Amino acid sequence: MPASNISELMTREPVCVFAEDPVSDVYSIMTEQDIRHVPVVDHDGRVEGIITQRDLMKHVLFAFDDMTVMEKKANLTDLYARSIMTPEPETITTDVMISEAARILLDNKIGCLPVTDGLKIIGIVTESDFVKQAIEESRES
């Protein structure tokens, strides 16, 4: 049955990183967890930013194009999440309608929305969640 609200659609307790985490750790987490978006939070769970696969490519892969593998690894440990994150990303709360959340994604040309309760992150919805939702709805009609 398709989700009727954001709290049913979102991934609860998403994987998060801290602003002071090395980008090498962020890369490892995203690769191991097979995720394309990772919220950056403070130690109280408040959203400070977001890092996407595209951010990693833009700031890491292309920036170090002419370096050897060893040089790249050394530079990744000296680069921190705060330096490649998009600060103050769009967020939503669980009372936002699914259609409104989809509109926010499209209007802002972004791939995910952290879901917050107060200031703390409680979930995340991604483009993939909306695609799954649409497929489920089409199967039921």
N, C-alpha and C. Protein backbone atom coordinates (compact mmCIF):
# COMPACT_ATOMS: atom_id res chain seq x y z
N MET A 1 0.84 -1.18 0.00
CA MET A 1 0.00 0.00 0.00
C MET A 1 0.89 1.25 0.00
N PRO A 2 0.62 2.20 -0.91
CA PRO A 2 1.44 3.40 -0.98
C PRO A 2 1.37 4.22 0.31
N ALA A 3 2.43 4.96 0.57
CA ALA A 3 2.48 5.81 1.76
C ALA A 3 1.46 6.94 1.62
N SER A 4 0.89 7.32 2.75
CA SER A 4 -0.08 8.42 2.72
C SER A 4 0.51 9.70 3.31
N ASN A 5 1.62 9.59 4.02
CA ASN A 5 2.26 10.79 4.55
C ASN A 5 3.77 10.61 4.59
N ILE A 6 4.46 11.70 4.83
CA ILE A 6 5.93 11.69 4.81
C ILE A 6 6.52 10.69 5.79
N SER A 7 5.92 10.57 6.97
CA SER A 7 6.51 9.66 7.96
C SER A 7 6.47 8.21 7.50
N GLU A 8 5.55 7.86 6.59
CA GLU A 8 5.51 6.51 6.03
C GLU A 8 6.49 6.35 4.87
N LEU A 9 6.78 7.45 4.19
CA LEU A 9 7.63 7.41 3.00
C LEU A 9 9.12 7.53 3.35
N MET A 10 9.42 8.26 4.40
CA MET A 10 10.82 8.57 4.73
C MET A 10 11.58 7.35 5.27
N THR A 11 12.89 7.44 5.16
CA THR A 11 13.78 6.49 5.83
C THR A 11 14.05 7.06 7.21
N ARG A 12 13.71 6.29 8.22
CA ARG A 12 13.91 6.75 9.60
C ARG A 12 15.36 6.56 10.03
N GLU A 13 15.78 7.40 10.97
CA GLU A 13 17.14 7.34 11.51
C GLU A 13 18.19 7.19 10.41
N PRO A 14 18.26 8.19 9.52
CA PRO A 14 19.22 8.08 8.42
C PRO A 14 20.67 8.12 8.90
N VAL A 15 21.53 7.57 8.09
CA VAL A 15 22.96 7.66 8.35
C VAL A 15 23.35 9.13 8.25
N CYS A 16 24.07 9.63 9.24
CA CYS A 16 24.50 11.03 9.26
C CYS A 16 26.00 11.10 9.54
N VAL A 17 26.58 12.24 9.22
CA VAL A 17 27.98 12.50 9.54
C VAL A 17 28.07 13.84 10.26
N PHE A 18 29.24 14.10 10.84
CA PHE A 18 29.49 15.37 11.52
C PHE A 18 30.35 16.26 10.62
N ALA A 19 30.24 17.56 10.80
CA ALA A 19 30.98 18.53 9.99
C ALA A 19 32.49 18.31 10.07
N GLU A 20 32.95 17.82 11.22
CA GLU A 20 34.40 17.63 11.39
C GLU A 20 34.89 16.26 10.92
N ASP A 21 34.01 15.44 10.37
CA ASP A 21 34.44 14.13 9.84
C ASP A 21 35.26 14.32 8.57
N PRO A 22 36.34 13.56 8.43
CA PRO A 22 37.12 13.63 7.18
C PRO A 22 36.28 13.15 6.00
N VAL A 23 36.50 13.76 4.86
CA VAL A 23 35.77 13.37 3.65
C VAL A 23 36.04 11.91 3.31
N SER A 24 37.21 11.41 3.65
CA SER A 24 37.50 9.99 3.39
C SER A 24 36.51 9.10 4.15
N ASP A 25 36.15 9.49 5.37
CA ASP A 25 35.15 8.73 6.15
C ASP A 25 33.77 8.86 5.52
N VAL A 26 33.43 10.07 5.08
CA VAL A 26 32.13 10.30 4.44
C VAL A 26 32.01 9.42 3.20
N TYR A 27 33.06 9.40 2.40
CA TYR A 27 33.08 8.57 1.19
C TYR A 27 32.88 7.10 1.55
N SER A 28 33.61 6.63 2.56
CA SER A 28 33.50 5.23 2.97
C SER A 28 32.08 4.90 3.43
N ILE A 29 31.50 5.77 4.23
CA ILE A 29 30.14 5.55 4.73
C ILE A 29 29.14 5.49 3.58
N MET A 30 29.24 6.45 2.67
CA MET A 30 28.29 6.47 1.55
C MET A 30 28.45 5.24 0.66
N THR A 31 29.68 4.80 0.47
CA THR A 31 29.93 3.63 -0.36
C THR A 31 29.44 2.36 0.33
N GLU A 32 29.81 2.19 1.59
CA GLU A 32 29.41 0.99 2.33
C GLU A 32 27.90 0.89 2.53
N GLN A 33 27.25 2.02 2.76
CA GLN A 33 25.80 2.03 3.00
C GLN A 33 25.00 2.12 1.70
N ASP A 34 25.69 2.32 0.58
CA ASP A 34 25.07 2.46 -0.73
C ASP A 34 24.02 3.57 -0.72
N ILE A 35 24.45 4.76 -0.26
CA ILE A 35 23.56 5.92 -0.22
C ILE A 35 24.16 7.06 -1.04
N ARG A 36 23.30 7.91 -1.56
CA ARG A 36 23.75 9.02 -2.40
C ARG A 36 23.67 10.37 -1.69
N HIS A 37 23.05 10.40 -0.52
CA HIS A 37 22.90 11.65 0.24
C HIS A 37 23.17 11.36 1.70
N VAL A 38 23.91 12.23 2.35
CA VAL A 38 24.14 12.05 3.78
C VAL A 38 24.01 13.41 4.48
N PRO A 39 23.10 13.50 5.44
CA PRO A 39 22.97 14.74 6.20
C PRO A 39 24.19 14.95 7.10
N VAL A 40 24.56 16.21 7.25
CA VAL A 40 25.62 16.60 8.18
C VAL A 40 24.92 17.22 9.38
N VAL A 41 25.17 16.66 10.55
CA VAL A 41 24.48 17.12 11.76
C VAL A 41 25.48 17.54 12.83
N ASP A 42 24.98 18.33 13.80
CA ASP A 42 25.82 18.64 14.95
C ASP A 42 25.63 17.52 15.97
N HIS A 43 26.28 17.62 17.10
CA HIS A 43 26.23 16.52 18.08
C HIS A 43 24.89 16.42 18.81
N ASP A 44 23.98 17.37 18.55
CA ASP A 44 22.62 17.29 19.08
C ASP A 44 21.63 16.78 18.03
N GLY A 45 22.13 16.42 16.84
CA GLY A 45 21.27 15.89 15.79
C GLY A 45 20.60 16.95 14.94
N ARG A 46 21.04 18.20 15.05
CA ARG A 46 20.47 19.28 14.22
C ARG A 46 21.17 19.31 12.87
N VAL A 47 20.38 19.46 11.82
CA VAL A 47 20.92 19.45 10.46
C VAL A 47 21.72 20.73 10.20
N GLU A 48 22.97 20.53 9.78
CA GLU A 48 23.84 21.65 9.42
C GLU A 48 24.07 21.74 7.92
N GLY A 49 23.95 20.59 7.24
CA GLY A 49 24.21 20.57 5.81
C GLY A 49 23.86 19.21 5.22
N ILE A 50 24.18 19.07 3.96
CA ILE A 50 23.95 17.80 3.25
C ILE A 50 25.13 17.59 2.31
N ILE A 51 25.54 16.35 2.16
CA ILE A 51 26.57 15.99 1.19
C ILE A 51 25.95 14.97 0.25
N THR A 52 26.12 15.21 -1.04
CA THR A 52 25.60 14.29 -2.05
C THR A 52 26.76 13.63 -2.78
N GLN A 53 26.42 12.60 -3.52
CA GLN A 53 27.40 11.94 -4.36
C GLN A 53 28.02 12.95 -5.32
N ARG A 54 27.19 13.85 -5.82
CA ARG A 54 27.66 14.88 -6.75
C ARG A 54 28.68 15.80 -6.07
N ASP A 55 28.43 16.15 -4.80
CA ASP A 55 29.39 16.97 -4.05
C ASP A 55 30.74 16.27 -3.97
N LEU A 56 30.70 14.97 -3.67
CA LEU A 56 31.95 14.21 -3.60
C LEU A 56 32.69 14.25 -4.93
N MET A 57 31.96 14.05 -6.00
CA MET A 57 32.60 14.06 -7.32
C MET A 57 33.18 15.43 -7.64
N LYS A 58 32.39 16.46 -7.38
CA LYS A 58 32.81 17.82 -7.72
C LYS A 58 34.02 18.26 -6.90
N HIS A 59 33.98 18.02 -5.61
CA HIS A 59 35.02 18.53 -4.73
C HIS A 59 36.20 17.59 -4.55
N VAL A 60 36.01 16.33 -4.84
CA VAL A 60 37.07 15.37 -4.56
C VAL A 60 37.68 14.81 -5.84
N LEU A 61 36.88 14.14 -6.63
CA LEU A 61 37.44 13.48 -7.81
C LEU A 61 38.06 14.45 -8.79
N PHE A 62 37.32 15.50 -9.13
CA PHE A 62 37.83 16.43 -10.14
C PHE A 62 38.90 17.36 -9.58
N ALA A 63 38.80 17.70 -8.32
CA ALA A 63 39.77 18.62 -7.71
C ALA A 63 41.17 18.03 -7.66
N PHE A 64 41.26 16.71 -7.55
CA PHE A 64 42.56 16.06 -7.41
C PHE A 64 42.94 15.27 -8.66
N ASP A 65 42.47 15.71 -9.80
CA ASP A 65 42.64 14.99 -11.05
C ASP A 65 44.07 14.58 -11.37
N ASP A 66 45.01 15.46 -11.15
CA ASP A 66 46.39 15.19 -11.55
C ASP A 66 47.24 14.52 -10.47
N MET A 67 46.62 14.11 -9.38
CA MET A 67 47.38 13.52 -8.27
C MET A 67 47.43 12.00 -8.37
N THR A 68 48.43 11.43 -7.72
CA THR A 68 48.50 9.98 -7.63
C THR A 68 47.47 9.51 -6.61
N VAL A 69 47.21 8.23 -6.58
CA VAL A 69 46.25 7.66 -5.62
C VAL A 69 46.67 7.95 -4.19
N MET A 70 47.95 7.82 -3.90
CA MET A 70 48.44 8.08 -2.54
C MET A 70 48.24 9.55 -2.15
N GLU A 71 48.49 10.46 -3.09
CA GLU A 71 48.29 11.89 -2.81
C GLU A 71 46.81 12.19 -2.57
N LYS A 72 45.95 11.56 -3.36
CA LYS A 72 44.51 11.77 -3.18
C LYS A 72 44.07 11.30 -1.80
N LYS A 73 44.51 10.12 -1.39
CA LYS A 73 44.14 9.60 -0.06
C LYS A 73 44.61 10.53 1.05
N ALA A 74 45.82 11.03 0.92
CA ALA A 74 46.34 11.96 1.94
C ALA A 74 45.51 13.23 1.99
N ASN A 75 45.11 13.74 0.84
CA ASN A 75 44.31 14.96 0.80
C ASN A 75 42.90 14.74 1.32
N LEU A 76 42.34 13.56 1.11
CA LEU A 76 40.99 13.27 1.59
C LEU A 76 40.92 13.26 3.11
N THR A 77 41.99 12.87 3.76
CA THR A 77 41.97 12.87 5.22
C THR A 77 42.16 14.28 5.77
N ASP A 78 42.65 15.19 4.94
CA ASP A 78 42.81 16.59 5.35
C ASP A 78 41.61 17.46 4.97
N LEU A 79 40.66 16.89 4.24
CA LEU A 79 39.47 17.61 3.80
C LEU A 79 38.31 17.16 4.68
N TYR A 80 37.51 18.10 5.16
CA TYR A 80 36.44 17.76 6.11
C TYR A 80 35.06 18.00 5.51
N ALA A 81 34.07 17.29 6.07
CA ALA A 81 32.69 17.36 5.58
C ALA A 81 32.21 18.80 5.44
N ARG A 82 32.52 19.64 6.41
CA ARG A 82 32.03 21.02 6.37
C ARG A 82 32.48 21.76 5.12
N SER A 83 33.63 21.36 4.56
CA SER A 83 34.16 22.08 3.40
C SER A 83 33.50 21.68 2.09
N ILE A 84 32.78 20.57 2.06
CA ILE A 84 32.12 20.18 0.81
C ILE A 84 30.61 20.11 0.93
N MET A 85 30.07 20.27 2.15
CA MET A 85 28.61 20.16 2.33
C MET A 85 27.90 21.39 1.79
N THR A 86 26.64 21.20 1.44
CA THR A 86 25.75 22.31 1.15
C THR A 86 25.16 22.71 2.49
N PRO A 87 25.46 23.93 2.97
CA PRO A 87 24.96 24.32 4.29
C PRO A 87 23.47 24.66 4.25
N GLU A 88 22.82 24.52 5.39
CA GLU A 88 21.41 24.88 5.56
C GLU A 88 20.52 24.36 4.44
N PRO A 89 20.47 23.04 4.26
CA PRO A 89 19.63 22.50 3.19
C PRO A 89 18.15 22.66 3.50
N GLU A 90 17.34 22.56 2.45
CA GLU A 90 15.89 22.53 2.64
C GLU A 90 15.57 21.35 3.54
N THR A 91 14.66 21.53 4.47
CA THR A 91 14.19 20.44 5.32
C THR A 91 12.67 20.50 5.36
N ILE A 92 12.06 19.40 5.79
CA ILE A 92 10.61 19.36 5.96
C ILE A 92 10.30 18.68 7.29
N THR A 93 9.05 18.79 7.69
CA THR A 93 8.57 18.10 8.88
C THR A 93 7.56 17.04 8.44
N THR A 94 7.17 16.18 9.35
CA THR A 94 6.27 15.08 8.98
C THR A 94 4.87 15.54 8.61
N ASP A 95 4.52 16.78 8.91
CA ASP A 95 3.17 17.25 8.56
C ASP A 95 3.08 17.77 7.12
N VAL A 96 4.20 17.78 6.39
CA VAL A 96 4.19 18.21 5.00
C VAL A 96 3.58 17.09 4.15
N MET A 97 2.69 17.48 3.25
CA MET A 97 2.06 16.50 2.35
C MET A 97 3.12 15.93 1.39
N ILE A 98 2.92 14.69 0.97
CA ILE A 98 3.86 14.05 0.05
C ILE A 98 3.98 14.86 -1.23
N SER A 99 2.86 15.36 -1.75
CA SER A 99 2.89 16.15 -2.99
C SER A 99 3.69 17.44 -2.81
N GLU A 100 3.60 18.06 -1.64
CA GLU A 100 4.35 19.28 -1.36
C GLU A 100 5.85 18.97 -1.27
N ALA A 101 6.21 17.87 -0.64
CA ALA A 101 7.62 17.47 -0.56
C ALA A 101 8.18 17.23 -1.96
N ALA A 102 7.41 16.58 -2.82
CA ALA A 102 7.85 16.33 -4.19
C ALA A 102 8.05 17.66 -4.93
N ARG A 103 7.14 18.60 -4.71
CA ARG A 103 7.26 19.91 -5.35
C ARG A 103 8.53 20.63 -4.88
N ILE A 104 8.84 20.55 -3.59
CA ILE A 104 10.06 21.17 -3.06
C ILE A 104 11.30 20.58 -3.72
N LEU A 105 11.32 19.26 -3.88
CA LEU A 105 12.46 18.61 -4.56
C LEU A 105 12.61 19.15 -5.98
N LEU A 106 11.50 19.16 -6.71
CA LEU A 106 11.54 19.59 -8.11
C LEU A 106 11.89 21.06 -8.25
N ASP A 107 11.23 21.91 -7.47
CA ASP A 107 11.46 23.36 -7.56
C ASP A 107 12.89 23.74 -7.22
N ASN A 108 13.48 23.04 -6.28
CA ASN A 108 14.84 23.36 -5.84
C ASN A 108 15.92 22.53 -6.53
N LYS A 109 15.48 21.62 -7.40
CA LYS A 109 16.41 20.74 -8.13
C LYS A 109 17.36 20.03 -7.18
N ILE A 110 16.78 19.41 -6.16
CA ILE A 110 17.56 18.67 -5.17
C ILE A 110 17.09 17.22 -5.13
N GLY A 111 17.90 16.35 -4.57
CA GLY A 111 17.60 14.93 -4.58
C GLY A 111 17.09 14.36 -3.27
N CYS A 112 17.11 15.18 -2.21
CA CYS A 112 16.64 14.65 -0.93
C CYS A 112 16.20 15.78 -0.02
N LEU A 113 15.41 15.40 0.97
CA LEU A 113 14.96 16.34 2.00
C LEU A 113 15.11 15.69 3.36
N PRO A 114 15.95 16.25 4.22
CA PRO A 114 15.96 15.77 5.60
C PRO A 114 14.62 16.09 6.26
N VAL A 115 14.13 15.16 7.06
CA VAL A 115 12.87 15.36 7.78
C VAL A 115 13.24 15.63 9.24
N THR A 116 12.71 16.72 9.77
CA THR A 116 13.07 17.11 11.13
C THR A 116 11.85 17.16 12.05
N ASP A 117 12.14 17.01 13.32
CA ASP A 117 11.15 17.21 14.38
C ASP A 117 11.78 18.26 15.28
N GLY A 118 11.22 19.46 15.24
CA GLY A 118 11.92 20.58 15.87
C GLY A 118 13.14 20.85 15.01
N LEU A 119 14.30 20.82 15.58
CA LEU A 119 15.52 21.02 14.81
C LEU A 119 16.27 19.72 14.54
N LYS A 120 15.83 18.62 15.15
CA LYS A 120 16.56 17.36 15.04
C LYS A 120 16.09 16.52 13.86
N ILE A 121 17.05 15.87 13.23
CA ILE A 121 16.73 15.00 12.10
C ILE A 121 16.09 13.71 12.60
N ILE A 122 15.02 13.31 11.93
CA ILE A 122 14.37 12.04 12.26
C ILE A 122 14.25 11.12 11.05
N GLY A 123 14.52 11.68 9.87
CA GLY A 123 14.39 10.88 8.66
C GLY A 123 14.90 11.63 7.45
N ILE A 124 14.77 10.97 6.30
CA ILE A 124 15.16 11.58 5.03
C ILE A 124 14.28 10.99 3.94
N VAL A 125 13.85 11.82 2.98
CA VAL A 125 13.15 11.32 1.80
C VAL A 125 13.99 11.68 0.59
N THR A 126 14.05 10.77 -0.36
CA THR A 126 14.87 10.97 -1.55
C THR A 126 14.03 10.79 -2.80
N GLU A 127 14.61 11.17 -3.92
CA GLU A 127 13.95 10.97 -5.21
C GLU A 127 13.53 9.51 -5.37
N SER A 128 14.38 8.60 -4.95
CA SER A 128 14.09 7.17 -5.07
C SER A 128 12.82 6.79 -4.32
N ASP A 129 12.60 7.41 -3.16
CA ASP A 129 11.38 7.13 -2.39
C ASP A 129 10.14 7.51 -3.18
N PHE A 130 10.21 8.63 -3.90
CA PHE A 130 9.06 9.08 -4.69
C PHE A 130 8.84 8.18 -5.90
N VAL A 131 9.92 7.69 -6.50
CA VAL A 131 9.79 6.76 -7.62
C VAL A 131 9.13 5.47 -7.15
N LYS A 132 9.59 4.93 -6.02
CA LYS A 132 8.98 3.72 -5.46
C LYS A 132 7.50 3.94 -5.18
N GLN A 133 7.17 5.11 -4.62
CA GLN A 133 5.78 5.46 -4.32
C GLN A 133 4.95 5.45 -5.60
N ALA A 134 5.45 6.07 -6.65
CA ALA A 134 4.73 6.14 -7.92
C ALA A 134 4.51 4.75 -8.51
N ILE A 135 5.52 3.89 -8.41
CA ILE A 135 5.39 2.53 -8.93
C ILE A 135 4.33 1.76 -8.15
N GLU A 136 4.34 1.89 -6.83
CA GLU A 136 3.33 1.22 -6.00
C GLU A 136 1.93 1.70 -6.35
N GLU A 137 1.78 3.01 -6.53
CA GLU A 137 0.47 3.56 -6.87
C GLU A 137 -0.01 3.05 -8.22
N SER A 138 0.91 2.95 -9.20
CA SER A 138 0.51 2.49 -10.53
C SER A 138 0.11 1.02 -10.52
N ARG A 139 0.72 0.24 -9.65
CA ARG A 139 0.38 -1.18 -9.55
C ARG A 139 -1.00 -1.39 -8.94
N GLU A 140 -1.41 -0.45 -8.09
CA GLU A 140 -2.69 -0.60 -7.41
C GLU A 140 -3.86 -0.07 -8.22
N SER A 141 -3.57 0.67 -9.29
CA SER A 141 -4.68 1.22 -10.07
C SER A 141 -5.04 0.37 -11.26
